[in-house]
């Protein structure tokens, strides 16, 4: 049974990025040993988009209000790689990580999938409901 998502950022600036997530973004974390920090993330979703050729992956952090989130992050010294733009699916920008890599940030316009716990409870309820007998079996 799938229980979550584990995303990785590979970088030659890993220590600085860990500090950024810990000290600037203030994400909850645990030290898995020897300074390897594992960060808790908010609920996640995944979408599949067509590509012209091959595959690639993107990682975005979601927010409810991109303008206030960006303003708050700017106060904490976060630099942005692009201005906020109005895309078909949401309002988008990117956070510049230590070392120069960019991490997407967007406020979605599309409906969000139900949280994992709600979807899981719904599946459990549906699976535990007694099966209805067919009309043919009830007539006997």
N, C-alpha and C. Protein backbone atom coordinates (compact mmCIF):
# COMPACT_ATOMS: atom_id res chain seq x y z
N UNK A 1 0.84 -1.18 0.00
CA UNK A 1 0.00 0.00 0.00
C UNK A 1 0.89 1.25 0.00
N UNK A 2 0.62 2.17 -0.87
CA UNK A 2 1.37 3.43 -0.92
C UNK A 2 0.93 4.30 0.25
N UNK A 3 1.90 4.85 0.97
CA UNK A 3 1.57 5.64 2.15
C UNK A 3 2.04 7.09 2.07
N UNK A 4 2.77 7.45 1.02
CA UNK A 4 3.26 8.82 0.93
C UNK A 4 4.16 8.99 -0.28
N UNK A 5 4.81 10.13 -0.34
CA UNK A 5 5.72 10.46 -1.42
C UNK A 5 7.05 10.89 -0.81
N UNK A 6 8.14 10.45 -1.41
CA UNK A 6 9.48 10.88 -0.98
C UNK A 6 10.14 11.52 -2.20
N UNK A 7 10.32 12.81 -2.14
CA UNK A 7 10.94 13.54 -3.25
C UNK A 7 12.40 13.82 -2.90
N UNK A 8 13.25 13.85 -3.91
CA UNK A 8 14.68 14.11 -3.71
C UNK A 8 15.12 15.31 -4.52
N UNK A 9 16.01 16.10 -3.94
CA UNK A 9 16.69 17.17 -4.66
C UNK A 9 18.17 16.81 -4.61
N UNK A 10 18.74 16.53 -5.75
CA UNK A 10 20.17 16.23 -5.84
C UNK A 10 20.89 17.53 -6.19
N UNK A 11 21.92 17.86 -5.41
CA UNK A 11 22.62 19.12 -5.64
C UNK A 11 24.04 19.05 -5.08
N UNK A 12 24.92 19.80 -5.69
CA UNK A 12 26.25 19.94 -5.11
C UNK A 12 26.25 21.02 -4.02
N UNK A 13 25.07 21.51 -3.68
CA UNK A 13 24.87 22.46 -2.58
C UNK A 13 23.89 21.89 -1.55
N UNK A 14 23.94 20.58 -1.34
CA UNK A 14 22.96 19.91 -0.48
C UNK A 14 22.93 20.48 0.94
N UNK A 15 24.09 20.73 1.54
CA UNK A 15 24.12 21.27 2.91
C UNK A 15 23.40 22.61 3.00
N UNK A 16 23.68 23.49 2.02
CA UNK A 16 23.05 24.81 2.03
C UNK A 16 21.54 24.71 1.79
N UNK A 17 21.14 23.79 0.94
CA UNK A 17 19.70 23.62 0.66
C UNK A 17 19.00 23.04 1.88
N UNK A 18 19.64 22.11 2.59
CA UNK A 18 19.05 21.59 3.83
C UNK A 18 18.85 22.73 4.83
N UNK A 19 19.86 23.59 4.97
CA UNK A 19 19.76 24.73 5.89
C UNK A 19 18.64 25.68 5.45
N UNK A 20 18.51 25.89 4.15
CA UNK A 20 17.45 26.75 3.60
C UNK A 20 16.07 26.19 3.96
N UNK A 21 15.86 24.89 3.75
CA UNK A 21 14.57 24.28 4.08
C UNK A 21 14.32 24.32 5.59
N UNK A 22 15.36 24.12 6.38
CA UNK A 22 15.22 24.11 7.84
C UNK A 22 15.03 25.52 8.39
N UNK A 23 15.92 26.45 8.02
CA UNK A 23 15.96 27.77 8.66
C UNK A 23 15.10 28.83 7.98
N UNK A 24 15.01 28.78 6.66
CA UNK A 24 14.26 29.81 5.94
C UNK A 24 12.82 29.40 5.71
N UNK A 25 12.62 28.20 5.15
CA UNK A 25 11.24 27.73 4.93
C UNK A 25 10.62 27.19 6.22
N UNK A 26 11.46 26.85 7.18
CA UNK A 26 11.03 26.37 8.51
C UNK A 26 10.16 25.11 8.42
N UNK A 27 10.55 24.19 7.55
CA UNK A 27 9.80 22.94 7.41
C UNK A 27 10.17 21.99 8.54
N UNK A 28 9.18 21.29 9.10
CA UNK A 28 9.49 20.30 10.13
C UNK A 28 10.41 19.22 9.54
N UNK A 29 11.31 18.70 10.37
CA UNK A 29 12.27 17.72 9.86
C UNK A 29 12.75 16.80 10.97
N UNK A 30 13.43 15.76 10.55
CA UNK A 30 14.08 14.83 11.46
C UNK A 30 15.48 14.58 10.92
N UNK A 31 16.42 14.39 11.81
CA UNK A 31 17.77 14.03 11.40
C UNK A 31 17.80 12.51 11.30
N UNK A 32 17.96 12.01 10.09
CA UNK A 32 17.97 10.57 9.87
C UNK A 32 19.34 9.97 10.21
N UNK A 33 20.25 10.80 10.66
CA UNK A 33 21.59 10.37 11.04
C UNK A 33 22.64 11.08 10.23
N UNK A 34 23.70 11.49 10.89
CA UNK A 34 24.85 12.13 10.24
C UNK A 34 24.47 13.41 9.49
N UNK A 35 23.46 14.13 9.99
CA UNK A 35 23.07 15.40 9.36
C UNK A 35 22.15 15.27 8.15
N UNK A 36 21.72 14.05 7.84
CA UNK A 36 20.79 13.86 6.70
C UNK A 36 19.40 14.21 7.19
N UNK A 37 18.97 15.41 6.84
CA UNK A 37 17.65 15.88 7.28
C UNK A 37 16.58 15.40 6.30
N UNK A 38 15.50 14.89 6.85
CA UNK A 38 14.33 14.49 6.07
C UNK A 38 13.22 15.44 6.48
N UNK A 39 12.66 16.15 5.50
CA UNK A 39 11.66 17.19 5.77
C UNK A 39 10.26 16.68 5.54
N UNK A 40 9.38 17.09 6.43
CA UNK A 40 7.96 16.82 6.25
C UNK A 40 7.42 17.83 5.25
N UNK A 41 6.59 17.36 4.35
CA UNK A 41 5.98 18.26 3.36
C UNK A 41 4.48 18.28 3.58
N UNK A 42 3.84 19.34 3.12
CA UNK A 42 2.39 19.38 3.18
C UNK A 42 1.80 18.33 2.24
N UNK A 43 0.48 18.15 2.26
CA UNK A 43 -0.13 17.18 1.35
C UNK A 43 0.36 17.39 -0.08
N UNK A 44 0.40 16.32 -0.84
CA UNK A 44 0.93 16.37 -2.20
C UNK A 44 -0.11 15.91 -3.21
N UNK A 45 0.16 16.25 -4.44
CA UNK A 45 -0.64 15.76 -5.56
C UNK A 45 0.31 15.55 -6.72
N UNK A 46 -0.10 14.77 -7.70
CA UNK A 46 0.74 14.53 -8.87
C UNK A 46 -0.14 14.55 -10.10
N UNK A 47 0.34 15.18 -11.13
CA UNK A 47 -0.39 15.25 -12.40
C UNK A 47 0.49 14.71 -13.51
N UNK A 48 -0.12 14.15 -14.52
CA UNK A 48 0.61 13.64 -15.67
C UNK A 48 0.28 14.50 -16.89
N UNK A 49 1.31 15.02 -17.53
CA UNK A 49 1.13 15.89 -18.68
C UNK A 49 1.80 15.27 -19.90
N UNK A 50 1.24 15.48 -21.06
CA UNK A 50 1.89 14.97 -22.26
C UNK A 50 3.19 15.73 -22.52
N UNK A 51 4.14 15.06 -23.13
CA UNK A 51 5.42 15.69 -23.49
C UNK A 51 5.67 15.43 -24.97
N UNK A 52 6.32 16.37 -25.61
CA UNK A 52 6.64 16.22 -27.03
C UNK A 52 7.56 15.03 -27.25
N UNK A 53 8.58 14.91 -26.37
CA UNK A 53 9.55 13.84 -26.52
C UNK A 53 10.16 13.53 -25.15
N UNK A 54 10.22 12.29 -24.79
CA UNK A 54 10.85 11.89 -23.53
C UNK A 54 10.03 12.27 -22.32
N UNK A 55 10.70 12.27 -21.19
CA UNK A 55 10.05 12.59 -19.91
C UNK A 55 10.92 13.54 -19.10
N UNK A 56 10.30 14.31 -18.26
CA UNK A 56 11.01 15.09 -17.26
C UNK A 56 10.08 15.28 -16.07
N UNK A 57 10.65 15.68 -14.95
CA UNK A 57 9.89 15.81 -13.72
C UNK A 57 10.05 17.22 -13.17
N UNK A 58 9.01 17.72 -12.52
CA UNK A 58 9.04 19.04 -11.92
C UNK A 58 8.53 18.94 -10.50
N UNK A 59 9.01 19.82 -9.65
CA UNK A 59 8.57 19.86 -8.26
C UNK A 59 8.13 21.28 -7.94
N UNK A 60 6.93 21.42 -7.44
CA UNK A 60 6.37 22.71 -7.05
C UNK A 60 5.88 22.63 -5.62
N UNK A 61 6.02 23.70 -4.89
CA UNK A 61 5.35 23.86 -3.61
C UNK A 61 4.07 24.63 -3.90
N UNK A 62 2.97 24.25 -3.25
CA UNK A 62 1.68 24.91 -3.46
C UNK A 62 1.43 25.91 -2.33
N UNK A 63 0.66 26.94 -2.62
CA UNK A 63 0.26 27.90 -1.61
C UNK A 63 -1.15 28.39 -1.91
N UNK A 64 -1.80 28.96 -0.90
CA UNK A 64 -3.16 29.48 -1.06
C UNK A 64 -3.19 30.88 -1.66
N UNK A 65 -2.18 31.68 -1.37
CA UNK A 65 -2.12 33.07 -1.82
C UNK A 65 -0.67 33.37 -2.19
N UNK A 66 -0.37 33.33 -3.48
CA UNK A 66 1.03 33.45 -3.92
C UNK A 66 1.62 34.82 -3.60
N UNK A 67 0.82 35.87 -3.65
CA UNK A 67 1.35 37.20 -3.36
C UNK A 67 1.79 37.33 -1.91
N UNK A 68 0.95 36.88 -0.97
CA UNK A 68 1.33 37.00 0.45
C UNK A 68 2.45 36.00 0.79
N UNK A 69 2.43 34.82 0.17
CA UNK A 69 3.50 33.84 0.41
C UNK A 69 4.83 34.39 -0.09
N UNK A 70 4.84 34.96 -1.30
CA UNK A 70 6.07 35.53 -1.85
C UNK A 70 6.57 36.68 -0.98
N UNK A 71 5.66 37.53 -0.52
CA UNK A 71 6.06 38.66 0.33
C UNK A 71 6.69 38.16 1.63
N UNK A 72 6.08 37.14 2.23
CA UNK A 72 6.61 36.57 3.47
C UNK A 72 7.99 35.95 3.22
N UNK A 73 8.14 35.22 2.14
CA UNK A 73 9.43 34.60 1.83
C UNK A 73 10.50 35.64 1.51
N UNK A 74 10.12 36.72 0.84
CA UNK A 74 11.08 37.80 0.56
C UNK A 74 11.59 38.42 1.85
N UNK A 75 10.72 38.57 2.86
CA UNK A 75 11.15 39.10 4.16
C UNK A 75 12.18 38.18 4.81
N UNK A 76 12.11 36.88 4.49
CA UNK A 76 13.07 35.92 5.04
C UNK A 76 14.33 35.81 4.17
N UNK A 77 14.43 36.64 3.14
CA UNK A 77 15.63 36.66 2.31
C UNK A 77 15.59 35.76 1.09
N UNK A 78 14.42 35.17 0.80
CA UNK A 78 14.30 34.29 -0.36
C UNK A 78 14.33 35.11 -1.64
N UNK A 79 15.11 34.65 -2.61
CA UNK A 79 15.17 35.27 -3.94
C UNK A 79 14.28 34.45 -4.88
N UNK A 80 13.70 35.13 -5.84
CA UNK A 80 12.82 34.47 -6.80
C UNK A 80 13.47 34.48 -8.18
N UNK A 81 13.32 33.36 -8.89
CA UNK A 81 13.92 33.21 -10.20
C UNK A 81 13.09 33.80 -11.32
N UNK A 82 11.84 34.07 -11.03
CA UNK A 82 10.96 34.64 -12.05
C UNK A 82 9.84 35.41 -11.37
N UNK A 83 9.27 36.39 -12.07
CA UNK A 83 8.12 37.11 -11.50
C UNK A 83 6.90 36.19 -11.47
N UNK A 84 5.94 36.54 -10.67
CA UNK A 84 4.68 35.78 -10.62
C UNK A 84 3.97 35.96 -11.94
N UNK A 85 3.60 34.86 -12.56
CA UNK A 85 2.86 34.91 -13.83
C UNK A 85 1.53 34.19 -13.68
N UNK A 86 0.57 34.61 -14.48
CA UNK A 86 -0.76 34.03 -14.48
C UNK A 86 -0.80 32.97 -15.59
N UNK A 87 -0.69 31.72 -15.21
CA UNK A 87 -0.77 30.61 -16.17
C UNK A 87 -2.19 30.06 -16.17
N UNK A 88 -2.50 29.25 -17.14
CA UNK A 88 -3.84 28.68 -17.26
C UNK A 88 -4.24 27.90 -16.00
N UNK A 89 -3.29 27.19 -15.40
CA UNK A 89 -3.58 26.32 -14.26
C UNK A 89 -3.37 26.99 -12.91
N UNK A 90 -2.71 28.16 -12.87
CA UNK A 90 -2.48 28.84 -11.61
C UNK A 90 -1.51 29.99 -11.73
N UNK A 91 -1.19 30.60 -10.61
CA UNK A 91 -0.22 31.68 -10.55
C UNK A 91 1.12 31.06 -10.16
N UNK A 92 2.17 31.35 -10.95
CA UNK A 92 3.42 30.60 -10.84
C UNK A 92 4.63 31.52 -10.68
N UNK A 93 5.59 31.08 -9.88
CA UNK A 93 6.90 31.69 -9.78
C UNK A 93 7.88 30.59 -9.40
N UNK A 94 9.11 30.96 -9.09
CA UNK A 94 10.08 29.97 -8.63
C UNK A 94 10.95 30.58 -7.54
N UNK A 95 11.33 29.75 -6.60
CA UNK A 95 12.22 30.12 -5.51
C UNK A 95 13.63 29.74 -5.94
N UNK A 96 14.59 30.62 -5.74
CA UNK A 96 15.97 30.30 -6.05
C UNK A 96 16.61 29.67 -4.82
N UNK A 97 17.06 28.42 -4.98
CA UNK A 97 17.70 27.69 -3.89
C UNK A 97 19.18 28.04 -3.84
N UNK A 98 19.84 27.79 -2.70
CA UNK A 98 21.29 27.96 -2.66
C UNK A 98 21.94 27.15 -3.79
N UNK A 99 22.86 27.76 -4.49
CA UNK A 99 23.49 27.11 -5.62
C UNK A 99 22.86 27.49 -6.94
N UNK A 100 21.68 28.15 -6.89
CA UNK A 100 21.06 28.66 -8.11
C UNK A 100 19.95 27.83 -8.70
N UNK A 101 19.71 26.60 -8.22
CA UNK A 101 18.60 25.79 -8.74
C UNK A 101 17.29 26.47 -8.38
N UNK A 102 16.26 26.20 -9.16
CA UNK A 102 14.96 26.81 -8.89
C UNK A 102 13.94 25.75 -8.51
N UNK A 103 13.09 26.10 -7.57
CA UNK A 103 12.00 25.25 -7.09
C UNK A 103 10.71 25.99 -7.35
N UNK A 104 9.79 25.35 -8.05
CA UNK A 104 8.53 26.00 -8.40
C UNK A 104 7.65 26.29 -7.20
N UNK A 105 6.90 27.37 -7.29
CA UNK A 105 5.90 27.74 -6.29
C UNK A 105 4.68 28.21 -7.04
N UNK A 106 3.52 27.62 -6.72
CA UNK A 106 2.32 28.12 -7.40
C UNK A 106 1.06 28.01 -6.58
N UNK A 107 0.14 28.91 -6.93
CA UNK A 107 -1.20 28.94 -6.36
C UNK A 107 -2.10 28.35 -7.42
N UNK A 108 -2.62 27.13 -7.20
CA UNK A 108 -3.42 26.49 -8.25
C UNK A 108 -4.78 27.15 -8.44
N UNK A 109 -5.24 27.12 -9.69
CA UNK A 109 -6.60 27.54 -10.02
C UNK A 109 -7.50 26.31 -10.18
N UNK A 110 -6.88 25.17 -10.42
CA UNK A 110 -7.63 23.93 -10.66
C UNK A 110 -8.12 23.35 -9.34
N UNK A 111 -9.15 22.49 -9.40
CA UNK A 111 -9.60 21.83 -8.18
C UNK A 111 -8.49 20.94 -7.63
N UNK A 112 -8.40 20.84 -6.33
CA UNK A 112 -7.39 20.00 -5.70
C UNK A 112 -7.97 18.62 -5.40
N UNK A 113 -7.13 17.62 -5.52
CA UNK A 113 -7.55 16.26 -5.15
C UNK A 113 -7.81 16.25 -3.65
N UNK A 114 -8.69 15.35 -3.18
CA UNK A 114 -8.94 15.31 -1.73
C UNK A 114 -7.67 14.91 -1.00
N UNK A 115 -7.49 15.38 0.24
CA UNK A 115 -6.32 14.99 1.00
C UNK A 115 -6.23 13.46 1.10
N UNK A 116 -5.01 12.97 1.20
CA UNK A 116 -4.76 11.52 1.23
C UNK A 116 -5.62 10.84 2.29
N UNK A 117 -5.68 11.41 3.50
CA UNK A 117 -6.42 10.76 4.58
C UNK A 117 -7.91 10.67 4.25
N UNK A 118 -8.48 11.71 3.64
CA UNK A 118 -9.90 11.68 3.28
C UNK A 118 -10.15 10.67 2.17
N UNK A 119 -9.28 10.64 1.17
CA UNK A 119 -9.45 9.69 0.07
C UNK A 119 -9.29 8.27 0.58
N UNK A 120 -8.33 8.05 1.47
CA UNK A 120 -8.10 6.71 2.02
C UNK A 120 -9.31 6.26 2.84
N UNK A 121 -9.87 7.16 3.68
CA UNK A 121 -11.05 6.82 4.48
C UNK A 121 -12.22 6.48 3.57
N UNK A 122 -12.39 7.23 2.48
CA UNK A 122 -13.47 6.97 1.54
C UNK A 122 -13.32 5.59 0.92
N UNK A 123 -12.09 5.21 0.53
CA UNK A 123 -11.85 3.88 -0.05
C UNK A 123 -12.14 2.79 0.97
N UNK A 124 -11.75 3.01 2.23
CA UNK A 124 -11.98 2.01 3.27
C UNK A 124 -13.48 1.85 3.51
N UNK A 125 -14.22 2.97 3.58
CA UNK A 125 -15.67 2.89 3.78
C UNK A 125 -16.32 2.13 2.64
N UNK A 126 -15.92 2.46 1.40
CA UNK A 126 -16.51 1.80 0.24
C UNK A 126 -16.21 0.31 0.25
N UNK A 127 -15.01 -0.07 0.65
CA UNK A 127 -14.63 -1.49 0.66
C UNK A 127 -15.33 -2.25 1.77
N UNK A 128 -15.70 -1.56 2.86
CA UNK A 128 -16.32 -2.25 3.99
C UNK A 128 -17.84 -2.33 3.91
N UNK A 129 -18.44 -1.64 2.93
CA UNK A 129 -19.89 -1.71 2.78
C UNK A 129 -20.30 -3.10 2.32
N UNK A 130 -21.41 -3.61 2.86
CA UNK A 130 -21.88 -4.92 2.38
C UNK A 130 -22.27 -4.82 0.91
N UNK A 131 -21.95 -5.84 0.18
CA UNK A 131 -22.30 -5.88 -1.24
C UNK A 131 -23.80 -6.11 -1.36
N UNK A 132 -24.43 -5.37 -2.29
CA UNK A 132 -25.85 -5.54 -2.53
C UNK A 132 -26.07 -6.80 -3.34
N UNK A 133 -27.11 -7.54 -2.97
CA UNK A 133 -27.44 -8.74 -3.72
C UNK A 133 -28.12 -8.32 -5.03
N UNK A 134 -27.87 -9.07 -6.05
CA UNK A 134 -28.52 -8.77 -7.34
C UNK A 134 -30.01 -9.05 -7.22
N UNK A 135 -30.81 -8.44 -8.08
CA UNK A 135 -32.26 -8.65 -8.04
C UNK A 135 -32.62 -10.12 -8.21
N UNK A 136 -31.88 -10.80 -9.07
CA UNK A 136 -32.17 -12.22 -9.31
C UNK A 136 -32.00 -13.02 -8.03
N UNK A 137 -30.99 -12.76 -7.25
CA UNK A 137 -30.75 -13.48 -6.01
C UNK A 137 -31.77 -13.12 -4.95
N UNK A 138 -32.26 -11.86 -4.94
CA UNK A 138 -33.25 -11.43 -3.94
C UNK A 138 -34.61 -12.06 -4.21
N UNK A 139 -34.91 -12.38 -5.45
CA UNK A 139 -36.24 -12.94 -5.78
C UNK A 139 -36.37 -14.38 -5.32
N UNK A 140 -35.31 -15.07 -5.10
CA UNK A 140 -35.38 -16.50 -4.75
C UNK A 140 -35.96 -16.75 -3.43
